[in-house]
Amino acid sequence: MRCVKEWHTYFVNGYKFHTNEWSKGKKTINCGVYVKGITEGGYDDFYGIIHKIFELEYNSYTSLKKVVVFYCEWFDPYRDGTRVNPRYNIVELDMSKRY
């Protein structure tokens, strides 16, 4: 058995995620993601927007398995488009700089 479900909202480990399309027109937006990654130069912060959420189900030899995949659009952390506001400690992104 193999099954793929697409979600616009997903709850996992006490967190709630939305797709960008679902967040449009809402009072609050929760479609952004942050990942600390390892690059050739060390550690970098990556920021993105969730466009699709897929839940994959498949049978293994022992039980049913589920994997959740977030399809995201990422912004380039290397250009001058990402900075942290020193006063408020808020990350500001230039959304025209795609990764």
N, C-alpha and C. Protein backbone atom coordinates (compact mmCIF):
# COMPACT_ATOMS: atom_id res chain seq x y z
N MET A 1 0.83 -1.18 0.00
CA MET A 1 0.00 0.00 0.00
C MET A 1 0.88 1.24 0.00
N ARG A 2 0.56 2.18 -0.86
CA ARG A 2 1.24 3.47 -0.89
C ARG A 2 0.19 4.56 -1.01
N CYS A 3 0.35 5.61 -0.24
CA CYS A 3 -0.65 6.67 -0.22
C CYS A 3 0.04 8.02 0.02
N VAL A 4 -0.40 9.04 -0.70
CA VAL A 4 0.12 10.39 -0.50
C VAL A 4 -1.08 11.31 -0.23
N LYS A 5 -1.00 12.04 0.86
CA LYS A 5 -2.03 13.03 1.19
C LYS A 5 -1.39 14.41 1.15
N GLU A 6 -2.14 15.38 0.66
CA GLU A 6 -1.65 16.76 0.65
C GLU A 6 -2.47 17.55 1.67
N TRP A 7 -1.79 18.33 2.49
CA TRP A 7 -2.42 19.10 3.55
C TRP A 7 -2.12 20.59 3.37
N HIS A 8 -3.04 21.45 3.81
CA HIS A 8 -2.76 22.89 3.84
C HIS A 8 -2.35 23.32 5.24
N THR A 9 -2.67 22.50 6.25
CA THR A 9 -2.27 22.74 7.64
C THR A 9 -1.79 21.41 8.22
N TYR A 10 -0.72 21.46 9.01
CA TYR A 10 -0.21 20.23 9.59
C TYR A 10 0.28 20.50 11.01
N PHE A 11 -0.10 19.62 11.93
CA PHE A 11 0.33 19.71 13.33
C PHE A 11 1.36 18.62 13.59
N VAL A 12 2.51 19.00 14.16
CA VAL A 12 3.53 18.01 14.48
C VAL A 12 4.36 18.51 15.67
N ASN A 13 4.56 17.65 16.64
CA ASN A 13 5.39 17.96 17.82
C ASN A 13 4.99 19.27 18.50
N GLY A 14 3.71 19.57 18.55
CA GLY A 14 3.24 20.78 19.21
C GLY A 14 3.31 22.03 18.35
N TYR A 15 3.70 21.90 17.08
CA TYR A 15 3.79 23.04 16.17
C TYR A 15 2.74 22.92 15.08
N LYS A 16 2.28 24.06 14.61
CA LYS A 16 1.28 24.11 13.55
C LYS A 16 1.89 24.83 12.35
N PHE A 17 1.82 24.20 11.19
CA PHE A 17 2.37 24.77 9.97
C PHE A 17 1.25 24.95 8.95
N HIS A 18 1.35 26.02 8.17
CA HIS A 18 0.41 26.30 7.08
C HIS A 18 1.19 26.45 5.79
N THR A 19 0.51 26.21 4.67
CA THR A 19 1.10 26.55 3.38
C THR A 19 0.91 28.05 3.14
N ASN A 20 1.71 28.58 2.26
CA ASN A 20 1.63 30.01 1.92
C ASN A 20 0.25 30.35 1.37
N GLU A 21 -0.29 29.50 0.51
CA GLU A 21 -1.60 29.75 -0.09
C GLU A 21 -2.70 29.80 0.97
N TRP A 22 -2.63 28.92 1.95
CA TRP A 22 -3.63 28.87 3.02
C TRP A 22 -3.55 30.13 3.90
N SER A 23 -2.36 30.68 4.08
CA SER A 23 -2.16 31.83 4.95
C SER A 23 -2.62 33.15 4.34
N LYS A 24 -2.78 33.18 3.03
CA LYS A 24 -3.18 34.44 2.38
C LYS A 24 -4.55 34.89 2.87
N GLY A 25 -4.65 36.15 3.25
CA GLY A 25 -5.89 36.73 3.72
C GLY A 25 -6.21 36.46 5.18
N LYS A 26 -5.38 35.71 5.88
CA LYS A 26 -5.61 35.40 7.29
C LYS A 26 -5.00 36.50 8.17
N LYS A 27 -5.42 36.58 9.42
CA LYS A 27 -4.89 37.57 10.35
C LYS A 27 -3.47 37.24 10.78
N THR A 28 -3.15 35.96 10.88
CA THR A 28 -1.79 35.54 11.23
C THR A 28 -1.25 34.64 10.13
N ILE A 29 0.07 34.68 9.96
CA ILE A 29 0.73 33.86 8.94
C ILE A 29 1.70 32.92 9.64
N ASN A 30 1.64 31.65 9.27
CA ASN A 30 2.52 30.66 9.88
C ASN A 30 3.06 29.72 8.81
N CYS A 31 3.53 30.28 7.70
CA CYS A 31 4.04 29.46 6.61
C CYS A 31 5.56 29.56 6.47
N GLY A 32 6.21 30.27 7.36
CA GLY A 32 7.66 30.42 7.29
C GLY A 32 8.37 29.31 8.03
N VAL A 33 9.54 28.93 7.53
CA VAL A 33 10.36 27.90 8.17
C VAL A 33 11.79 28.40 8.32
N TYR A 34 12.46 27.86 9.33
CA TYR A 34 13.85 28.18 9.62
C TYR A 34 14.60 26.88 9.85
N VAL A 35 15.77 26.75 9.21
CA VAL A 35 16.60 25.56 9.39
C VAL A 35 18.03 26.01 9.56
N LYS A 36 18.70 25.49 10.58
CA LYS A 36 20.12 25.73 10.74
C LYS A 36 20.83 24.63 9.96
N GLY A 37 21.62 25.02 8.98
CA GLY A 37 22.27 24.05 8.10
C GLY A 37 23.78 24.14 8.14
N ILE A 38 24.42 23.13 7.61
CA ILE A 38 25.88 23.08 7.53
C ILE A 38 26.26 23.28 6.07
N THR A 39 27.17 24.21 5.84
CA THR A 39 27.67 24.49 4.50
C THR A 39 29.18 24.35 4.52
N GLU A 40 29.81 24.62 3.38
CA GLU A 40 31.27 24.54 3.30
C GLU A 40 31.95 25.51 4.25
N GLY A 41 31.30 26.65 4.50
CA GLY A 41 31.89 27.67 5.36
C GLY A 41 31.53 27.52 6.83
N GLY A 42 30.76 26.51 7.19
CA GLY A 42 30.34 26.33 8.58
C GLY A 42 28.83 26.24 8.67
N TYR A 43 28.28 26.86 9.69
CA TYR A 43 26.83 26.83 9.90
C TYR A 43 26.19 28.07 9.29
N ASP A 44 25.01 27.88 8.71
CA ASP A 44 24.26 28.99 8.14
C ASP A 44 22.79 28.84 8.49
N ASP A 45 22.09 29.96 8.52
CA ASP A 45 20.65 29.96 8.77
C ASP A 45 19.94 30.04 7.43
N PHE A 46 18.96 29.17 7.23
CA PHE A 46 18.18 29.15 6.01
C PHE A 46 16.73 29.45 6.35
N TYR A 47 16.11 30.32 5.54
CA TYR A 47 14.72 30.73 5.76
C TYR A 47 13.93 30.45 4.49
N GLY A 48 12.68 30.00 4.67
CA GLY A 48 11.87 29.67 3.52
C GLY A 48 10.39 29.81 3.80
N ILE A 49 9.60 29.53 2.77
CA ILE A 49 8.15 29.57 2.84
C ILE A 49 7.62 28.22 2.38
N ILE A 50 6.67 27.66 3.12
CA ILE A 50 6.09 26.37 2.78
C ILE A 50 5.06 26.55 1.66
N HIS A 51 5.24 25.79 0.59
CA HIS A 51 4.27 25.83 -0.51
C HIS A 51 3.38 24.59 -0.54
N LYS A 52 3.91 23.45 -0.18
CA LYS A 52 3.14 22.20 -0.17
C LYS A 52 3.53 21.38 1.05
N ILE A 53 2.56 20.64 1.59
CA ILE A 53 2.82 19.71 2.68
C ILE A 53 2.26 18.36 2.25
N PHE A 54 3.13 17.35 2.19
CA PHE A 54 2.74 16.00 1.79
C PHE A 54 2.97 15.04 2.94
N GLU A 55 2.04 14.13 3.13
CA GLU A 55 2.20 13.04 4.09
C GLU A 55 2.25 11.74 3.28
N LEU A 56 3.36 11.05 3.34
CA LEU A 56 3.55 9.80 2.60
C LEU A 56 3.33 8.63 3.54
N GLU A 57 2.49 7.69 3.15
CA GLU A 57 2.25 6.48 3.93
C GLU A 57 2.69 5.28 3.10
N TYR A 58 3.36 4.35 3.74
CA TYR A 58 3.76 3.13 3.05
C TYR A 58 3.93 2.01 4.07
N ASN A 59 3.79 0.79 3.59
CA ASN A 59 3.96 -0.38 4.44
C ASN A 59 5.41 -0.83 4.40
N SER A 60 5.95 -1.10 5.55
CA SER A 60 7.24 -1.78 5.61
C SER A 60 6.94 -3.22 6.00
N TYR A 61 7.97 -3.99 6.23
CA TYR A 61 7.75 -5.39 6.60
C TYR A 61 7.12 -5.53 7.97
N THR A 62 7.29 -4.52 8.83
CA THR A 62 6.79 -4.64 10.20
C THR A 62 5.55 -3.82 10.49
N SER A 63 5.42 -2.63 9.87
CA SER A 63 4.27 -1.78 10.20
C SER A 63 4.08 -0.69 9.16
N LEU A 64 3.01 0.08 9.35
CA LEU A 64 2.73 1.23 8.50
C LEU A 64 3.66 2.38 8.89
N LYS A 65 4.27 3.00 7.91
CA LYS A 65 5.19 4.12 8.15
C LYS A 65 4.61 5.38 7.54
N LYS A 66 4.89 6.54 8.18
CA LYS A 66 4.47 7.84 7.67
C LYS A 66 5.67 8.78 7.66
N VAL A 67 5.77 9.57 6.60
CA VAL A 67 6.80 10.59 6.48
C VAL A 67 6.12 11.87 6.00
N VAL A 68 6.45 12.99 6.61
CA VAL A 68 5.90 14.28 6.20
C VAL A 68 6.99 15.05 5.46
N VAL A 69 6.63 15.59 4.29
CA VAL A 69 7.58 16.33 3.46
C VAL A 69 7.03 17.73 3.25
N PHE A 70 7.86 18.73 3.51
CA PHE A 70 7.51 20.13 3.28
C PHE A 70 8.23 20.57 2.01
N TYR A 71 7.47 21.01 1.02
CA TYR A 71 8.05 21.57 -0.20
C TYR A 71 8.13 23.08 0.01
N CYS A 72 9.35 23.61 0.05
CA CYS A 72 9.56 25.02 0.43
C CYS A 72 10.30 25.80 -0.65
N GLU A 73 10.10 27.10 -0.62
CA GLU A 73 10.88 28.03 -1.43
C GLU A 73 11.88 28.68 -0.47
N TRP A 74 13.17 28.59 -0.79
CA TRP A 74 14.21 29.06 0.11
C TRP A 74 14.81 30.37 -0.38
N PHE A 75 15.28 31.18 0.57
CA PHE A 75 15.90 32.46 0.26
C PHE A 75 17.40 32.35 0.47
N ASP A 76 18.14 33.05 -0.36
CA ASP A 76 19.60 32.95 -0.38
C ASP A 76 20.20 33.63 0.85
N PRO A 77 20.86 32.86 1.73
CA PRO A 77 21.44 33.46 2.93
C PRO A 77 22.78 34.16 2.68
N TYR A 78 23.37 34.01 1.50
CA TYR A 78 24.70 34.53 1.25
C TYR A 78 24.72 35.95 0.73
N ARG A 79 23.64 36.40 0.16
CA ARG A 79 23.62 37.76 -0.39
C ARG A 79 23.28 38.75 0.72
N ASP A 80 23.28 40.01 0.38
CA ASP A 80 23.00 41.06 1.35
C ASP A 80 21.52 41.14 1.71
N GLY A 81 20.72 40.17 1.32
CA GLY A 81 19.29 40.23 1.53
C GLY A 81 18.82 39.73 2.88
N THR A 82 19.70 39.16 3.70
CA THR A 82 19.30 38.64 5.01
C THR A 82 20.06 39.39 6.09
N ARG A 83 19.33 39.93 7.05
CA ARG A 83 19.99 40.60 8.17
C ARG A 83 19.12 40.51 9.41
N VAL A 84 19.75 40.65 10.56
CA VAL A 84 19.03 40.62 11.83
C VAL A 84 18.97 42.05 12.36
N ASN A 85 17.77 42.52 12.67
CA ASN A 85 17.59 43.84 13.23
C ASN A 85 18.19 43.84 14.64
N PRO A 86 19.22 44.66 14.88
CA PRO A 86 19.91 44.62 16.18
C PRO A 86 19.04 45.07 17.35
N ARG A 87 18.09 45.93 17.11
CA ARG A 87 17.25 46.43 18.20
C ARG A 87 16.19 45.42 18.64
N TYR A 88 15.53 44.78 17.66
CA TYR A 88 14.42 43.87 17.96
C TYR A 88 14.77 42.40 17.79
N ASN A 89 15.97 42.11 17.27
CA ASN A 89 16.42 40.74 17.03
C ASN A 89 15.45 39.99 16.09
N ILE A 90 14.94 40.70 15.09
CA ILE A 90 14.03 40.14 14.09
C ILE A 90 14.79 39.98 12.79
N VAL A 91 14.59 38.84 12.12
CA VAL A 91 15.25 38.58 10.85
C VAL A 91 14.48 39.27 9.73
N GLU A 92 15.19 40.01 8.91
CA GLU A 92 14.61 40.69 7.75
C GLU A 92 15.16 40.04 6.50
N LEU A 93 14.27 39.67 5.57
CA LEU A 93 14.66 39.00 4.34
C LEU A 93 14.32 39.84 3.14
N ASP A 94 15.22 39.85 2.15
CA ASP A 94 14.91 40.40 0.84
C ASP A 94 14.34 39.23 0.04
N MET A 95 13.03 39.20 -0.14
CA MET A 95 12.37 38.04 -0.73
C MET A 95 12.59 37.92 -2.24
N SER A 96 13.32 38.87 -2.83
CA SER A 96 13.65 38.74 -4.24
C SER A 96 14.91 37.91 -4.44
N LYS A 97 15.63 37.61 -3.37
CA LYS A 97 16.88 36.81 -3.44
C LYS A 97 16.55 35.35 -3.16
N ARG A 98 16.25 34.60 -4.22
CA ARG A 98 15.90 33.19 -4.08
C ARG A 98 17.15 32.32 -4.03
N TYR A 99 17.03 31.19 -3.35
CA TYR A 99 18.16 30.25 -3.25
C TYR A 99 18.06 29.24 -4.34
